[in-house]
């Protein structure tokens, strides 16, 4: 990610100043580089499920949840692999951003 690379570049440049500038200037350069934002945290968790059970039911599932805005979504699709004409769709939108429970 670009944020991480920028921060690492600034830290590397600041460390090259060691012994070439005064202690105050070196310390200020290190602090400035250290103060740069790091890698943004991921806030959306995604889970997947894909498989077939012993009776031949093929299932695909997806779930997502955002820790910041509370958005949640789940989707599940199942079909009898031995009789694909009988789908069992279960799409579900649990909560939209901004909605409260």
PDB file of N, CA and C in Angstrom:
ATOM      1  N   UNK A   1       0.842  -1.177   0.000  1.00  0.00           N
ATOM      2  CA  UNK A   1       0.000   0.000   0.000  1.00  0.00           C
ATOM      3  C   UNK A   1       0.889   1.242   0.000  1.00  0.00           C
ATOM      4  N   UNK A   2       0.406   2.263  -0.634  1.00  0.00           N
ATOM      5  CA  UNK A   2       1.182   3.488  -0.784  1.00  0.00           C
ATOM      6  C   UNK A   2       1.483   4.153   0.567  1.00  0.00           C
ATOM      7  N   UNK A   3       0.513   4.154   1.500  1.00  0.00           N
ATOM      8  CA  UNK A   3       0.733   4.785   2.813  1.00  0.00           C
ATOM      9  C   UNK A   3       1.945   4.173   3.503  1.00  0.00           C
ATOM     10  N   UNK A   4       2.016   2.873   3.492  1.00  0.00           N
ATOM     11  CA  UNK A   4       3.103   2.173   4.166  1.00  0.00           C
ATOM     12  C   UNK A   4       4.440   2.498   3.503  1.00  0.00           C
ATOM     13  N   UNK A   5       4.472   2.512   2.181  1.00  0.00           N
ATOM     14  CA  UNK A   5       5.715   2.781   1.466  1.00  0.00           C
ATOM     15  C   UNK A   5       6.195   4.211   1.720  1.00  0.00           C
ATOM     16  N   UNK A   6       5.284   5.184   1.697  1.00  0.00           N
ATOM     17  CA  UNK A   6       5.658   6.577   1.976  1.00  0.00           C
ATOM     18  C   UNK A   6       6.291   6.703   3.362  1.00  0.00           C
ATOM     19  N   UNK A   7       5.680   6.066   4.333  1.00  0.00           N
ATOM     20  CA  UNK A   7       6.179   6.133   5.711  1.00  0.00           C
ATOM     21  C   UNK A   7       7.555   5.476   5.804  1.00  0.00           C
ATOM     22  N   UNK A   8       7.695   4.309   5.186  1.00  0.00           N
ATOM     23  CA  UNK A   8       8.982   3.609   5.221  1.00  0.00           C
ATOM     24  C   UNK A   8      10.071   4.419   4.508  1.00  0.00           C
ATOM     25  N   UNK A   9       9.714   5.064   3.400  1.00  0.00           N
ATOM     26  CA  UNK A   9      10.681   5.898   2.673  1.00  0.00           C
ATOM     27  C   UNK A   9      11.148   7.076   3.531  1.00  0.00           C
ATOM     28  N   UNK A  10      10.206   7.719   4.222  1.00  0.00           N
ATOM     29  CA  UNK A  10      10.549   8.861   5.085  1.00  0.00           C
ATOM     30  C   UNK A  10      11.441   8.414   6.248  1.00  0.00           C
ATOM     31  N   UNK A  11      11.124   7.259   6.838  1.00  0.00           N
ATOM     32  CA  UNK A  11      11.946   6.750   7.940  1.00  0.00           C
ATOM     33  C   UNK A  11      13.358   6.425   7.457  1.00  0.00           C
ATOM     34  N   UNK A  12      13.457   5.786   6.284  1.00  0.00           N
ATOM     35  CA  UNK A  12      14.770   5.444   5.727  1.00  0.00           C
ATOM     36  C   UNK A  12      15.578   6.706   5.456  1.00  0.00           C
ATOM     37  N   UNK A  13      14.945   7.732   4.893  1.00  0.00           N
ATOM     38  CA  UNK A  13      15.639   8.992   4.603  1.00  0.00           C
ATOM     39  C   UNK A  13      16.085   9.664   5.900  1.00  0.00           C
ATOM     40  N   UNK A  14      15.231   9.617   6.919  1.00  0.00           N
ATOM     41  CA  UNK A  14      15.577  10.234   8.203  1.00  0.00           C
ATOM     42  C   UNK A  14      16.754   9.501   8.842  1.00  0.00           C
ATOM     43  N   UNK A  15      16.784   8.186   8.752  1.00  0.00           N
ATOM     44  CA  UNK A  15      17.881   7.414   9.349  1.00  0.00           C
ATOM     45  C   UNK A  15      19.214   7.698   8.656  1.00  0.00           C
ATOM     46  N   UNK A  16      19.170   8.059   7.378  1.00  0.00           N
ATOM     47  CA  UNK A  16      20.396   8.400   6.654  1.00  0.00           C
ATOM     48  C   UNK A  16      21.015   9.696   7.156  1.00  0.00           C
ATOM     49  N   UNK A  17      20.234  10.494   7.861  1.00  0.00           N
ATOM     50  CA  UNK A  17      20.734  11.762   8.398  1.00  0.00           C
ATOM     51  C   UNK A  17      21.611  11.569   9.629  1.00  0.00           C
ATOM     52  N   UNK A  18      21.576  10.375  10.209  1.00  0.00           N
ATOM     53  CA  UNK A  18      22.324  10.127  11.450  1.00  0.00           C
ATOM     54  C   UNK A  18      23.812  10.415  11.256  1.00  0.00           C
ATOM     55  N   UNK A  19      24.352  11.249  12.121  1.00  0.00           N
ATOM     56  CA  UNK A  19      25.763  11.609  12.064  1.00  0.00           C
ATOM     57  C   UNK A  19      26.083  12.707  11.071  1.00  0.00           C
ATOM     58  N   UNK A  20      25.105  13.113  10.265  1.00  0.00           N
ATOM     59  CA  UNK A  20      25.331  14.148   9.251  1.00  0.00           C
ATOM     60  C   UNK A  20      24.715  15.482   9.648  1.00  0.00           C
ATOM     61  N   UNK A  21      23.758  15.417  10.575  1.00  0.00           N
ATOM     62  CA  UNK A  21      23.081  16.633  11.058  1.00  0.00           C
ATOM     63  C   UNK A  21      23.093  16.598  12.582  1.00  0.00           C
ATOM     64  N   UNK A  22      22.696  17.683  13.171  1.00  0.00           N
ATOM     65  CA  UNK A  22      22.638  17.750  14.629  1.00  0.00           C
ATOM     66  C   UNK A  22      21.579  16.820  15.193  1.00  0.00           C
ATOM     67  N   UNK A  23      21.704  16.525  16.483  1.00  0.00           N
ATOM     68  CA  UNK A  23      20.783  15.606  17.159  1.00  0.00           C
ATOM     69  C   UNK A  23      19.339  16.085  17.083  1.00  0.00           C
ATOM     70  N   UNK A  24      19.128  17.386  17.232  1.00  0.00           N
ATOM     71  CA  UNK A  24      17.759  17.922  17.201  1.00  0.00           C
ATOM     72  C   UNK A  24      17.123  17.737  15.827  1.00  0.00           C
ATOM     73  N   UNK A  25      17.883  18.006  14.776  1.00  0.00           N
ATOM     74  CA  UNK A  25      17.350  17.861  13.410  1.00  0.00           C
ATOM     75  C   UNK A  25      17.073  16.386  13.098  1.00  0.00           C
ATOM     76  N   UNK A  26      17.976  15.506  13.532  1.00  0.00           N
ATOM     77  CA  UNK A  26      17.781  14.069  13.320  1.00  0.00           C
ATOM     78  C   UNK A  26      16.527  13.578  14.045  1.00  0.00           C
ATOM     79  N   UNK A  27      16.408  13.962  15.314  1.00  0.00           N
ATOM     80  CA  UNK A  27      15.251  13.548  16.118  1.00  0.00           C
ATOM     81  C   UNK A  27      13.956  14.082  15.516  1.00  0.00           C
ATOM     82  N   UNK A  28      13.966  15.317  15.044  1.00  0.00           N
ATOM     83  CA  UNK A  28      12.774  15.909  14.421  1.00  0.00           C
ATOM     84  C   UNK A  28      12.398  15.149  13.153  1.00  0.00           C
ATOM     85  N   UNK A  29      13.385  14.751  12.339  1.00  0.00           N
ATOM     86  CA  UNK A  29      13.104  14.010  11.103  1.00  0.00           C
ATOM     87  C   UNK A  29      12.509  12.642  11.415  1.00  0.00           C
ATOM     88  N   UNK A  30      13.037  11.961  12.425  1.00  0.00           N
ATOM     89  CA  UNK A  30      12.512  10.648  12.827  1.00  0.00           C
ATOM     90  C   UNK A  30      11.081  10.794  13.336  1.00  0.00           C
ATOM     91  N   UNK A  31      10.829  11.796  14.177  1.00  0.00           N
ATOM     92  CA  UNK A  31       9.485  12.015  14.716  1.00  0.00           C
ATOM     93  C   UNK A  31       8.490  12.342  13.604  1.00  0.00           C
ATOM     94  N   UNK A  32       8.911  13.170  12.635  1.00  0.00           N
ATOM     95  CA  UNK A  32       8.020  13.542  11.530  1.00  0.00           C
ATOM     96  C   UNK A  32       7.662  12.308  10.693  1.00  0.00           C
ATOM     97  N   UNK A  33       8.653  11.463  10.435  1.00  0.00           N
ATOM     98  CA  UNK A  33       8.391  10.241   9.651  1.00  0.00           C
ATOM     99  C   UNK A  33       7.512   9.289  10.446  1.00  0.00           C
ATOM    100  N   UNK A  34       7.763   9.181  11.738  1.00  0.00           N
ATOM    101  CA  UNK A  34       6.979   8.295  12.603  1.00  0.00           C
ATOM    102  C   UNK A  34       5.531   8.760  12.735  1.00  0.00           C
ATOM    103  N   UNK A  35       5.304  10.062  12.608  1.00  0.00           N
ATOM    104  CA  UNK A  35       3.959  10.624  12.762  1.00  0.00           C
ATOM    105  C   UNK A  35       3.094  10.399  11.530  1.00  0.00           C
ATOM    106  N   UNK A  36       3.715   9.995  10.419  1.00  0.00           N
ATOM    107  CA  UNK A  36       2.930   9.752   9.195  1.00  0.00           C
ATOM    108  C   UNK A  36       1.966   8.603   9.433  1.00  0.00           C
ATOM    109  N   UNK A  37       0.797   8.660   8.796  1.00  0.00           N
ATOM    110  CA  UNK A  37      -0.157   7.569   8.989  1.00  0.00           C
ATOM    111  C   UNK A  37       0.419   6.254   8.481  1.00  0.00           C
ATOM    112  N   UNK A  38       0.109   5.208   9.193  1.00  0.00           N
ATOM    113  CA  UNK A  38       0.530   3.878   8.769  1.00  0.00           C
ATOM    114  C   UNK A  38      -0.478   3.294   7.797  1.00  0.00           C
ATOM    115  N   UNK A  39      -0.515   2.019   7.736  1.00  0.00           N
ATOM    116  CA  UNK A  39      -1.446   1.323   6.847  1.00  0.00           C
ATOM    117  C   UNK A  39      -2.854   1.439   7.425  1.00  0.00           C
ATOM    118  N   UNK A  40      -3.814   1.904   6.618  1.00  0.00           N
ATOM    119  CA  UNK A  40      -5.183   1.983   7.131  1.00  0.00           C
ATOM    120  C   UNK A  40      -5.685   0.592   7.504  1.00  0.00           C
ATOM    121  N   UNK A  41      -6.423   0.531   8.583  1.00  0.00           N
ATOM    122  CA  UNK A  41      -6.963  -0.757   9.019  1.00  0.00           C
ATOM    123  C   UNK A  41      -8.144  -1.145   8.146  1.00  0.00           C
ATOM    124  N   UNK A  42      -8.278  -2.426   7.923  1.00  0.00           N
ATOM    125  CA  UNK A  42      -9.439  -2.917   7.188  1.00  0.00           C
ATOM    126  C   UNK A  42     -10.590  -3.039   8.171  1.00  0.00           C
ATOM    127  N   UNK A  43     -11.765  -2.620   7.746  1.00  0.00           N
ATOM    128  CA  UNK A  43     -12.910  -2.641   8.654  1.00  0.00           C
ATOM    129  C   UNK A  43     -14.026  -3.546   8.158  1.00  0.00           C
ATOM    130  N   UNK A  44     -13.883  -4.109   6.949  1.00  0.00           N
ATOM    131  CA  UNK A  44     -14.914  -4.990   6.409  1.00  0.00           C
ATOM    132  C   UNK A  44     -14.433  -6.431   6.503  1.00  0.00           C
ATOM    133  N   UNK A  45     -15.143  -7.228   7.271  1.00  0.00           N
ATOM    134  CA  UNK A  45     -14.821  -8.654   7.365  1.00  0.00           C
ATOM    135  C   UNK A  45     -15.688  -9.394   6.367  1.00  0.00           C
ATOM    136  N   UNK A  46     -15.053 -10.278   5.590  1.00  0.00           N
ATOM    137  CA  UNK A  46     -15.773 -11.077   4.611  1.00  0.00           C
ATOM    138  C   UNK A  46     -15.482 -12.553   4.870  1.00  0.00           C
ATOM    139  N   UNK A  47     -16.527 -13.366   4.828  1.00  0.00           N
ATOM    140  CA  UNK A  47     -16.402 -14.804   4.993  1.00  0.00           C
ATOM    141  C   UNK A  47     -17.095 -15.499   3.830  1.00  0.00           C
ATOM    142  N   UNK A  48     -16.538 -16.617   3.426  1.00  0.00           N
ATOM    143  CA  UNK A  48     -17.071 -17.369   2.296  1.00  0.00           C
ATOM    144  C   UNK A  48     -17.242 -18.831   2.694  1.00  0.00           C
ATOM    145  N   UNK A  49     -18.174 -19.470   2.046  1.00  0.00           N
ATOM    146  CA  UNK A  49     -18.383 -20.905   2.232  1.00  0.00           C
ATOM    147  C   UNK A  49     -18.683 -21.499   0.859  1.00  0.00           C
ATOM    148  N   UNK A  50     -18.062 -22.597   0.559  1.00  0.00           N
ATOM    149  CA  UNK A  50     -18.276 -23.267  -0.717  1.00  0.00           C
ATOM    150  C   UNK A  50     -18.100 -24.756  -0.471  1.00  0.00           C
ATOM    151  N   UNK A  51     -19.113 -25.544  -0.807  1.00  0.00           N
ATOM    152  CA  UNK A  51     -18.958 -26.979  -0.583  1.00  0.00           C
ATOM    153  C   UNK A  51     -20.176 -27.781  -0.940  1.00  0.00           C
ATOM    154  N   UNK A  52     -19.991 -29.076  -0.862  1.00  0.00           N
ATOM    155  CA  UNK A  52     -21.060 -30.042  -1.122  1.00  0.00           C
ATOM    156  C   UNK A  52     -21.151 -30.970   0.074  1.00  0.00           C
ATOM    157  N   UNK A  53     -22.373 -31.226   0.548  1.00  0.00           N
ATOM    158  CA  UNK A  53     -22.508 -32.137   1.676  1.00  0.00           C
ATOM    159  C   UNK A  53     -22.715 -33.578   1.180  1.00  0.00           C
ATOM    160  N   UNK A  54     -22.869 -34.504   2.109  1.00  0.00           N
ATOM    161  CA  UNK A  54     -22.978 -35.928   1.763  1.00  0.00           C
ATOM    162  C   UNK A  54     -24.204 -36.257   0.923  1.00  0.00           C
ATOM    163  N   UNK A  55     -25.266 -35.462   1.054  1.00  0.00           N
ATOM    164  CA  UNK A  55     -26.491 -35.748   0.299  1.00  0.00           C
ATOM    165  C   UNK A  55     -26.494 -35.090  -1.079  1.00  0.00           C
ATOM    166  N   UNK A  56     -25.415 -34.406  -1.446  1.00  0.00           N
ATOM    167  CA  UNK A  56     -25.319 -33.815  -2.778  1.00  0.00           C
ATOM    168  C   UNK A  56     -25.778 -32.376  -2.871  1.00  0.00           C
ATOM    169  N   UNK A  57     -25.997 -31.728  -1.732  1.00  0.00           N
ATOM    170  CA  UNK A  57     -26.412 -30.325  -1.751  1.00  0.00           C
ATOM    171  C   UNK A  57     -25.173 -29.446  -1.881  1.00  0.00           C
ATOM    172  N   UNK A  58     -25.097 -28.661  -2.952  1.00  0.00           N
ATOM    173  CA  UNK A  58     -23.989 -27.749  -3.216  1.00  0.00           C
ATOM    174  C   UNK A  58     -24.376 -26.377  -2.692  1.00  0.00           C
ATOM    175  N   UNK A  59     -23.519 -25.779  -1.880  1.00  0.00           N
ATOM    176  CA  UNK A  59     -23.822 -24.504  -1.234  1.00  0.00           C
ATOM    177  C   UNK A  59     -22.698 -23.489  -1.449  1.00  0.00           C
ATOM    178  N   UNK A  60     -23.116 -22.253  -1.764  1.00  0.00           N
ATOM    179  CA  UNK A  60     -22.203 -21.125  -1.836  1.00  0.00           C
ATOM    180  C   UNK A  60     -22.740 -20.077  -0.872  1.00  0.00           C
ATOM    181  N   UNK A  61     -21.887 -19.577   0.012  1.00  0.00           N
ATOM    182  CA  UNK A  61     -22.325 -18.571   0.963  1.00  0.00           C
ATOM    183  C   UNK A  61     -21.327 -17.442   1.061  1.00  0.00           C
ATOM    184  N   UNK A  62     -21.821 -16.238   1.343  1.00  0.00           N
ATOM    185  CA  UNK A  62     -20.980 -15.053   1.502  1.00  0.00           C
ATOM    186  C   UNK A  62     -21.576 -14.198   2.621  1.00  0.00           C
ATOM    187  N   UNK A  63     -20.713 -13.711   3.496  1.00  0.00           N
ATOM    188  CA  UNK A  63     -21.137 -12.838   4.577  1.00  0.00           C
ATOM    189  C   UNK A  63     -20.145 -11.689   4.698  1.00  0.00           C
ATOM    190  N   UNK A  64     -20.653 -10.478   4.947  1.00  0.00           N
ATOM    191  CA  UNK A  64     -19.790  -9.308   5.121  1.00  0.00           C
ATOM    192  C   UNK A  64     -20.322  -8.469   6.280  1.00  0.00           C
ATOM    193  N   UNK A  65     -19.384  -7.841   7.012  1.00  0.00           N
ATOM    194  CA  UNK A  65     -19.756  -6.978   8.128  1.00  0.00           C
ATOM    195  C   UNK A  65     -18.702  -5.875   8.267  1.00  0.00           C
ATOM    196  N   UNK A  66     -19.155  -4.612   8.304  1.00  0.00           N
ATOM    197  CA  UNK A  66     -18.258  -3.473   8.491  1.00  0.00           C
ATOM    198  C   UNK A  66     -18.282  -3.062   9.963  1.00  0.00           C
ATOM    199  N   UNK A  67     -17.102  -3.018  10.576  1.00  0.00           N
ATOM    200  CA  UNK A  67     -16.999  -2.633  11.989  1.00  0.00           C
ATOM    201  C   UNK A  67     -17.268  -1.158  12.222  1.00  0.00           C
ATOM    202  N   UNK A  68     -17.095  -0.326  11.181  1.00  0.00           N
ATOM    203  CA  UNK A  68     -17.251   1.122  11.338  1.00  0.00           C
ATOM    204  C   UNK A  68     -18.707   1.551  11.186  1.00  0.00           C
ATOM    205  N   UNK A  69     -19.328   1.186  10.056  1.00  0.00           N
ATOM    206  CA  UNK A  69     -20.690   1.687   9.797  1.00  0.00           C
ATOM    207  C   UNK A  69     -21.781   0.680  10.156  1.00  0.00           C
ATOM    208  N   UNK A  70     -21.408  -0.560  10.462  1.00  0.00           N
ATOM    209  CA  UNK A  70     -22.409  -1.545  10.846  1.00  0.00           C
ATOM    210  C   UNK A  70     -23.083  -2.250   9.689  1.00  0.00           C
ATOM    211  N   UNK A  71     -22.678  -1.958   8.456  1.00  0.00           N
ATOM    212  CA  UNK A  71     -23.257  -2.621   7.291  1.00  0.00           C
ATOM    213  C   UNK A  71     -23.047  -4.125   7.404  1.00  0.00           C
ATOM    214  N   UNK A  72     -24.109  -4.878   7.115  1.00  0.00           N
ATOM    215  CA  UNK A  72     -24.016  -6.335   7.102  1.00  0.00           C
ATOM    216  C   UNK A  72     -24.736  -6.864   5.873  1.00  0.00           C
ATOM    217  N   UNK A  73     -24.216  -7.928   5.319  1.00  0.00           N
ATOM    218  CA  UNK A  73     -24.833  -8.547   4.158  1.00  0.00           C
ATOM    219  C   UNK A  73     -24.531 -10.033   4.198  1.00  0.00           C
ATOM    220  N   UNK A  74     -25.514 -10.831   3.845  1.00  0.00           N
ATOM    221  CA  UNK A  74     -25.252 -12.258   3.706  1.00  0.00           C
ATOM    222  C   UNK A  74     -26.021 -12.781   2.503  1.00  0.00           C
ATOM    223  N   UNK A  75     -25.442 -13.773   1.863  1.00  0.00           N
ATOM    224  CA  UNK A  75     -26.057 -14.402   0.705  1.00  0.00           C
ATOM    225  C   UNK A  75     -25.728 -15.875   0.757  1.00  0.00           C
ATOM    226  N   UNK A  76     -26.727 -16.693   0.514  1.00  0.00           N
ATOM    227  CA  UNK A  76     -26.498 -18.133   0.481  1.00  0.00           C
ATOM    228  C   UNK A  76     -27.296 -18.717  -0.674  1.00  0.00           C
ATOM    229  N   UNK A  77     -26.641 -19.545  -1.450  1.00  0.00           N
ATOM    230  CA  UNK A  77     -27.295 -20.217  -2.573  1.00  0.00           C
ATOM    231  C   UNK A  77     -26.986 -21.697  -2.435  1.00  0.00           C
ATOM    232  N   UNK A  78     -28.036 -22.502  -2.476  1.00  0.00           N
ATOM    233  CA  UNK A  78     -27.853 -23.937  -2.371  1.00  0.00           C
ATOM    234  C   UNK A  78     -28.659 -24.614  -3.475  1.00  0.00           C
ATOM    235  N   UNK A  79     -28.099 -25.646  -4.026  1.00  0.00           N
ATOM    236  CA  UNK A  79     -28.777 -26.395  -5.065  1.00  0.00           C
ATOM    237  C   UNK A  79     -28.429 -27.874  -4.883  1.00  0.00           C
ATOM    238  N   UNK A  80     -29.403 -28.721  -5.148  1.00  0.00           N
ATOM    239  CA  UNK A  80     -29.162 -30.158  -5.108  1.00  0.00           C
ATOM    240  C   UNK A  80     -28.332 -30.505  -6.339  1.00  0.00           C
ATOM    241  N   UNK A  81     -27.110 -30.913  -6.141  1.00  0.00           N
ATOM    242  CA  UNK A  81     -26.221 -31.207  -7.262  1.00  0.00           C
ATOM    243  C   UNK A  81     -26.745 -32.355  -8.115  1.00  0.00           C
ATOM    244  N   UNK A  82     -27.583 -33.190  -7.538  1.00  0.00           N
ATOM    245  CA  UNK A  82     -28.166 -34.304  -8.291  1.00  0.00           C
ATOM    246  C   UNK A  82     -29.411 -33.887  -9.050  1.00  0.00           C
ATOM    247  N   UNK A  83     -30.021 -32.733  -8.665  1.00  0.00           N
ATOM    248  CA  UNK A  83     -31.206 -32.209  -9.331  1.00  0.00           C
ATOM    249  C   UNK A  83     -31.081 -30.685  -9.403  1.00  0.00           C
ATOM    250  N   UNK A  84     -30.255 -30.156 -10.317  1.00  0.00           N
ATOM    251  CA  UNK A  84     -29.980 -28.709 -10.367  1.00  0.00           C
ATOM    252  C   UNK A  84     -31.180 -27.836 -10.729  1.00  0.00           C
ATOM    253  N   UNK A  85     -32.314 -28.416 -11.043  1.00  0.00           N
ATOM    254  CA  UNK A  85     -33.509 -27.625 -11.355  1.00  0.00           C
ATOM    255  C   UNK A  85     -34.204 -27.131 -10.096  1.00  0.00           C
ATOM    256  N   UNK A  86     -33.771 -27.524  -8.924  1.00  0.00           N
ATOM    257  CA  UNK A  86     -34.411 -27.153  -7.665  1.00  0.00           C
ATOM    258  C   UNK A  86     -33.491 -26.266  -6.815  1.00  0.00           C
ATOM    259  N   UNK A  87     -33.296 -24.981  -7.197  1.00  0.00           N
ATOM    260  CA  UNK A  87     -32.427 -24.112  -6.394  1.00  0.00           C
ATOM    261  C   UNK A  87     -33.091 -23.697  -5.087  1.00  0.00           C
ATOM    262  N   UNK A  88     -32.280 -23.387  -4.112  1.00  0.00           N
ATOM    263  CA  UNK A  88     -32.751 -22.934  -2.806  1.00  0.00           C
ATOM    264  C   UNK A  88     -32.016 -21.637  -2.472  1.00  0.00           C
ATOM    265  N   UNK A  89     -32.412 -20.516  -3.111  1.00  0.00           N
ATOM    266  CA  UNK A  89     -31.765 -19.222  -2.888  1.00  0.00           C
ATOM    267  C   UNK A  89     -32.229 -18.613  -1.574  1.00  0.00           C
ATOM    268  N   UNK A  90     -31.285 -18.089  -0.819  1.00  0.00           N
ATOM    269  CA  UNK A  90     -31.624 -17.401   0.415  1.00  0.00           C
ATOM    270  C   UNK A  90     -30.803 -16.113   0.516  1.00  0.00           C
ATOM    271  N   UNK A  91     -31.048 -15.103  -0.376  1.00  0.00           N
ATOM    272  CA  UNK A  91     -30.304 -13.848  -0.232  1.00  0.00           C
ATOM    273  C   UNK A  91     -30.868 -13.039   0.932  1.00  0.00           C
ATOM    274  N   UNK A  92     -29.999 -12.400   1.686  1.00  0.00           N
ATOM    275  CA  UNK A  92     -30.441 -11.653   2.848  1.00  0.00           C
ATOM    276  C   UNK A  92     -29.628 -10.377   2.998  1.00  0.00           C
ATOM    277  N   UNK A  93     -30.291  -9.238   3.009  1.00  0.00           N
ATOM    278  CA  UNK A  93     -29.632  -7.998   3.373  1.00  0.00           C
ATOM    279  C   UNK A  93     -30.028  -7.744   4.819  1.00  0.00           C
ATOM    280  N   UNK A  94     -29.072  -7.868   5.717  1.00  0.00           N
ATOM    281  CA  UNK A  94     -29.383  -7.794   7.134  1.00  0.00           C
ATOM    282  C   UNK A  94     -29.631  -6.360   7.578  1.00  0.00           C
ATOM    283  N   UNK A  95     -28.670  -5.471   7.283  1.00  0.00           N
ATOM    284  CA  UNK A  95     -28.822  -4.089   7.727  1.00  0.00           C
ATOM    285  C   UNK A  95     -28.061  -3.175   6.768  1.00  0.00           C
ATOM    286  N   UNK A  96     -28.690  -2.090   6.350  1.00  0.00           N
ATOM    287  CA  UNK A  96     -28.054  -1.099   5.490  1.00  0.00           C
ATOM    288  C   UNK A  96     -27.314  -0.080   6.354  1.00  0.00           C
ATOM    289  N   UNK A  97     -26.268   0.557   5.794  1.00  0.00           N
ATOM    290  CA  UNK A  97     -25.584   1.598   6.565  1.00  0.00           C
ATOM    291  C   UNK A  97     -26.554   2.687   6.988  1.00  0.00           C
ATOM    292  N   UNK A  98     -26.434   3.119   8.225  1.00  0.00           N
ATOM    293  CA  UNK A  98     -27.307   4.173   8.747  1.00  0.00           C
ATOM    294  C   UNK A  98     -28.565   3.654   9.406  1.00  0.00           C
ATOM    295  N   UNK A  99     -28.952   2.418   9.130  1.00  0.00           N
ATOM    296  CA  UNK A  99     -30.136   1.840   9.767  1.00  0.00           C
ATOM    297  C   UNK A  99     -29.759   1.360  11.172  1.00  0.00           C
ATOM    298  N   UNK A 100     -30.702   1.468  12.060  1.00  0.00           N
ATOM    299  CA  UNK A 100     -30.463   0.942  13.409  1.00  0.00           C
ATOM    300  C   UNK A 100     -31.397  -0.219  13.646  1.00  0.00           C
ATOM    301  N   UNK A 101     -30.977  -1.055  14.571  1.00  0.00           N
ATOM    302  CA  UNK A 101     -31.831  -2.234  14.877  1.00  0.00           C
ATOM    303  C   UNK A 101     -32.725  -1.966  16.035  1.00  0.00           C
TER     304      UNK A 101
END
